[in-house]
C-alpha atoms as a PDB file:
ATOM      1  CA  UNK A   1      -4.065   3.739  -5.400  1.00  0.00           C
ATOM      2  CA  UNK A   2      -4.244   3.969  -1.655  1.00  0.00           C
ATOM      3  CA  UNK A   3      -3.587   6.893   0.617  1.00  0.00           C
ATOM      4  CA  UNK A   4      -0.218   5.495   1.705  1.00  0.00           C
ATOM      5  CA  UNK A   5       0.967   5.406  -1.870  1.00  0.00           C
ATOM      6  CA  UNK A   6      -0.292   8.898  -2.642  1.00  0.00           C
ATOM      7  CA  UNK A   7       1.635  10.265   0.349  1.00  0.00           C
ATOM      8  CA  UNK A   8       4.845   8.527  -0.742  1.00  0.00           C
ATOM      9  CA  UNK A   9       4.828   8.823  -4.537  1.00  0.00           C
ATOM     10  CA  UNK A  10       4.402  11.721  -6.943  1.00  0.00           C
ATOM     11  CA  UNK A  11       4.487  11.900 -10.762  1.00  0.00           C
ATOM     12  CA  UNK A  12       7.657  13.707 -11.813  1.00  0.00           C
ATOM     13  CA  UNK A  13       7.552  13.651 -15.613  1.00  0.00           C
ATOM     14  CA  UNK A  14       6.746  11.715 -18.771  1.00  0.00           C
ATOM     15  CA  UNK A  15       9.840  10.553 -20.649  1.00  0.00           C
ATOM     16  CA  UNK A  16      10.127  10.835 -24.435  1.00  0.00           C
ATOM     17  CA  UNK A  17       9.188   7.183 -24.828  1.00  0.00           C
ATOM     18  CA  UNK A  18       5.991   7.727 -22.791  1.00  0.00           C
ATOM     19  CA  UNK A  19       7.296   6.212 -19.563  1.00  0.00           C
ATOM     20  CA  UNK A  20       5.829   7.866 -16.469  1.00  0.00           C
ATOM     21  CA  UNK A  21       8.624   8.683 -14.027  1.00  0.00           C
ATOM     22  CA  UNK A  22       7.342   8.646 -10.463  1.00  0.00           C
ATOM     23  CA  UNK A  23       9.329  10.009  -7.527  1.00  0.00           C
ATOM     24  CA  UNK A  24       9.013   8.128  -4.257  1.00  0.00           C
ATOM     25  CA  UNK A  25       9.835   9.160  -0.710  1.00  0.00           C
ATOM     26  CA  UNK A  26      12.619   6.556  -0.499  1.00  0.00           C
ATOM     27  CA  UNK A  27      14.131   3.531  -2.205  1.00  0.00           C
ATOM     28  CA  UNK A  28      11.890   1.128  -0.292  1.00  0.00           C
ATOM     29  CA  UNK A  29       8.767   2.683  -1.824  1.00  0.00           C
ATOM     30  CA  UNK A  30      10.442   2.638  -5.255  1.00  0.00           C
ATOM     31  CA  UNK A  31      11.238  -1.058  -4.841  1.00  0.00           C
ATOM     32  CA  UNK A  32       7.750  -1.992  -3.597  1.00  0.00           C
ATOM     33  CA  UNK A  33       5.916  -0.007  -6.278  1.00  0.00           C
ATOM     34  CA  UNK A  34       8.250  -1.416  -8.916  1.00  0.00           C
ATOM     35  CA  UNK A  35       6.625  -4.799  -8.316  1.00  0.00           C
ATOM     36  CA  UNK A  36       3.290  -3.275  -9.364  1.00  0.00           C
ATOM     37  CA  UNK A  37       4.666  -1.250 -12.292  1.00  0.00           C
ATOM     38  CA  UNK A  38       2.751  -3.105 -15.011  1.00  0.00           C
ATOM     39  CA  UNK A  39      -0.544  -2.787 -13.132  1.00  0.00           C
ATOM     40  CA  UNK A  40       0.045   0.904 -12.392  1.00  0.00           C
ATOM     41  CA  UNK A  41       1.095   1.638 -15.985  1.00  0.00           C
ATOM     42  CA  UNK A  42      -2.134   0.066 -17.195  1.00  0.00           C
ATOM     43  CA  UNK A  43      -4.207   2.140 -14.786  1.00  0.00           C
ATOM     44  CA  UNK A  44      -2.389   5.302 -15.884  1.00  0.00           C
ATOM     45  CA  UNK A  45      -2.614   4.448 -19.569  1.00  0.00           C
ATOM     46  CA  UNK A  46       1.128   4.727 -20.196  1.00  0.00           C
ATOM     47  CA  UNK A  47       3.463   2.137 -21.744  1.00  0.00           C
ATOM     48  CA  UNK A  48       5.668   1.888 -18.637  1.00  0.00           C
ATOM     49  CA  UNK A  49       6.271   3.339 -15.192  1.00  0.00           C
ATOM     50  CA  UNK A  50       9.642   3.928 -13.532  1.00  0.00           C
ATOM     51  CA  UNK A  51       9.913   4.577  -9.779  1.00  0.00           C
ATOM     52  CA  UNK A  52      12.852   6.546  -8.409  1.00  0.00           C
ATOM     53  CA  UNK A  53      13.549   8.057  -4.999  1.00  0.00           C
ATOM     54  CA  UNK A  54      13.192  11.792  -5.431  1.00  0.00           C
ATOM     55  CA  UNK A  55      11.681  14.979  -4.102  1.00  0.00           C
ATOM     56  CA  UNK A  56       8.001  15.036  -3.261  1.00  0.00           C
ATOM     57  CA  UNK A  57       5.924  18.193  -2.894  1.00  0.00           C
ATOM     58  CA  UNK A  58       5.207  19.335   0.631  1.00  0.00           C
ATOM     59  CA  UNK A  59       1.673  18.461   1.708  1.00  0.00           C
ATOM     60  CA  UNK A  60      -0.596  21.492   1.573  1.00  0.00           C
ATOM     61  CA  UNK A  61      -2.194  20.439   4.809  1.00  0.00           C
ATOM     62  CA  UNK A  62      -2.114  17.457   7.064  1.00  0.00           C
ATOM     63  CA  UNK A  63      -4.576  14.722   6.186  1.00  0.00           C
ATOM     64  CA  UNK A  64      -7.557  14.488   8.519  1.00  0.00           C
ATOM     65  CA  UNK A  65      -7.108  12.149  11.425  1.00  0.00           C
ATOM     66  CA  UNK A  66      -8.571   8.844  10.452  1.00  0.00           C
ATOM     67  CA  UNK A  67     -10.305   6.505  12.786  1.00  0.00           C
ATOM     68  CA  UNK A  68      -8.487   3.281  13.618  1.00  0.00           C
ATOM     69  CA  UNK A  69      -9.092   0.449  11.201  1.00  0.00           C
ATOM     70  CA  UNK A  70     -11.481  -2.197  12.448  1.00  0.00           C
ATOM     71  CA  UNK A  71     -11.448  -5.591  10.769  1.00  0.00           C
ATOM     72  CA  UNK A  72     -14.763  -6.916   9.529  1.00  0.00           C
ATOM     73  CA  UNK A  73     -16.046 -10.204  10.978  1.00  0.00           C
ATOM     74  CA  UNK A  74     -14.948 -11.944   7.765  1.00  0.00           C
ATOM     75  CA  UNK A  75     -11.435 -10.482   8.037  1.00  0.00           C
ATOM     76  CA  UNK A  76     -11.215 -11.499  11.713  1.00  0.00           C
ATOM     77  CA  UNK A  77     -12.389 -15.010  10.847  1.00  0.00           C
ATOM     78  CA  UNK A  78      -9.823 -15.290   8.034  1.00  0.00           C
ATOM     79  CA  UNK A  79      -7.065 -14.154  10.398  1.00  0.00           C
ATOM     80  CA  UNK A  80      -8.195 -16.659  13.039  1.00  0.00           C
ATOM     81  CA  UNK A  81      -8.174 -19.444  10.461  1.00  0.00           C
ATOM     82  CA  UNK A  82      -4.639 -18.594   9.338  1.00  0.00           C
ATOM     83  CA  UNK A  83      -3.323 -18.323  12.916  1.00  0.00           C
ATOM     84  CA  UNK A  84      -5.155 -21.427  14.208  1.00  0.00           C
ATOM     85  CA  UNK A  85      -2.253 -23.886  13.725  1.00  0.00           C
ATOM     86  CA  UNK A  86      -0.016 -21.889  16.104  1.00  0.00           C
ATOM     87  CA  UNK A  87       0.166 -23.780  19.410  1.00  0.00           C
ATOM     88  CA  UNK A  88       1.314 -20.953  21.665  1.00  0.00           C
ATOM     89  CA  UNK A  89      -1.820 -19.029  22.727  1.00  0.00           C
ATOM     90  CA  UNK A  90      -0.130 -15.621  23.143  1.00  0.00           C
ATOM     91  CA  UNK A  91       1.699 -15.900  19.838  1.00  0.00           C
ATOM     92  CA  UNK A  92      -1.472 -17.111  18.070  1.00  0.00           C
ATOM     93  CA  UNK A  93      -3.458 -14.149  19.423  1.00  0.00           C
ATOM     94  CA  UNK A  94      -0.722 -11.684  18.417  1.00  0.00           C
ATOM     95  CA  UNK A  95      -0.483 -13.123  14.914  1.00  0.00           C
ATOM     96  CA  UNK A  96      -4.275 -13.166  14.608  1.00  0.00           C
ATOM     97  CA  UNK A  97      -4.515  -9.504  15.622  1.00  0.00           C
ATOM     98  CA  UNK A  98      -1.735  -8.480  13.212  1.00  0.00           C
ATOM     99  CA  UNK A  99      -3.310 -10.428  10.350  1.00  0.00           C
ATOM    100  CA  UNK A 100      -6.789  -9.021  10.931  1.00  0.00           C
ATOM    101  CA  UNK A 101      -5.431  -5.460  10.952  1.00  0.00           C
ATOM    102  CA  UNK A 102      -3.357  -6.171   7.835  1.00  0.00           C
ATOM    103  CA  UNK A 103      -6.442  -7.519   6.052  1.00  0.00           C
ATOM    104  CA  UNK A 104      -8.446  -4.452   7.112  1.00  0.00           C
ATOM    105  CA  UNK A 105      -5.679  -2.101   5.952  1.00  0.00           C
ATOM    106  CA  UNK A 106      -5.334  -3.903   2.626  1.00  0.00           C
ATOM    107  CA  UNK A 107      -9.089  -3.671   2.051  1.00  0.00           C
ATOM    108  CA  UNK A 108      -8.964   0.033   2.935  1.00  0.00           C
ATOM    109  CA  UNK A 109      -6.011   0.735   0.586  1.00  0.00           C
ATOM    110  CA  UNK A 110      -7.397  -1.426  -2.240  1.00  0.00           C
ATOM    111  CA  UNK A 111     -11.185  -1.123  -2.218  1.00  0.00           C
ATOM    112  CA  UNK A 112     -13.040  -3.355  -4.647  1.00  0.00           C
END
């Protein structure tokens, strides 16, 4: 799991039926992670995972400042290809930039 998830979710307990109960920082994280519950349960080796908004431990220390994400040439090319049909130049460039950063962030949070 990525750093964003680890900062916003924390294992709370294992239920009697083996379900891992995970507290999240808010209901949005619970909802989003709920869509990946089967995948996460498989990675954890439990029959099921349940996400609930709940208390998270305080971070022991702040995470080190990370350098800004830079899209790879392949990610930039993919973003350009997706944004290409947009006629308005400024909008196309904005969408292309957002997509390339999203692709870089996704690759960072979900390394192969």
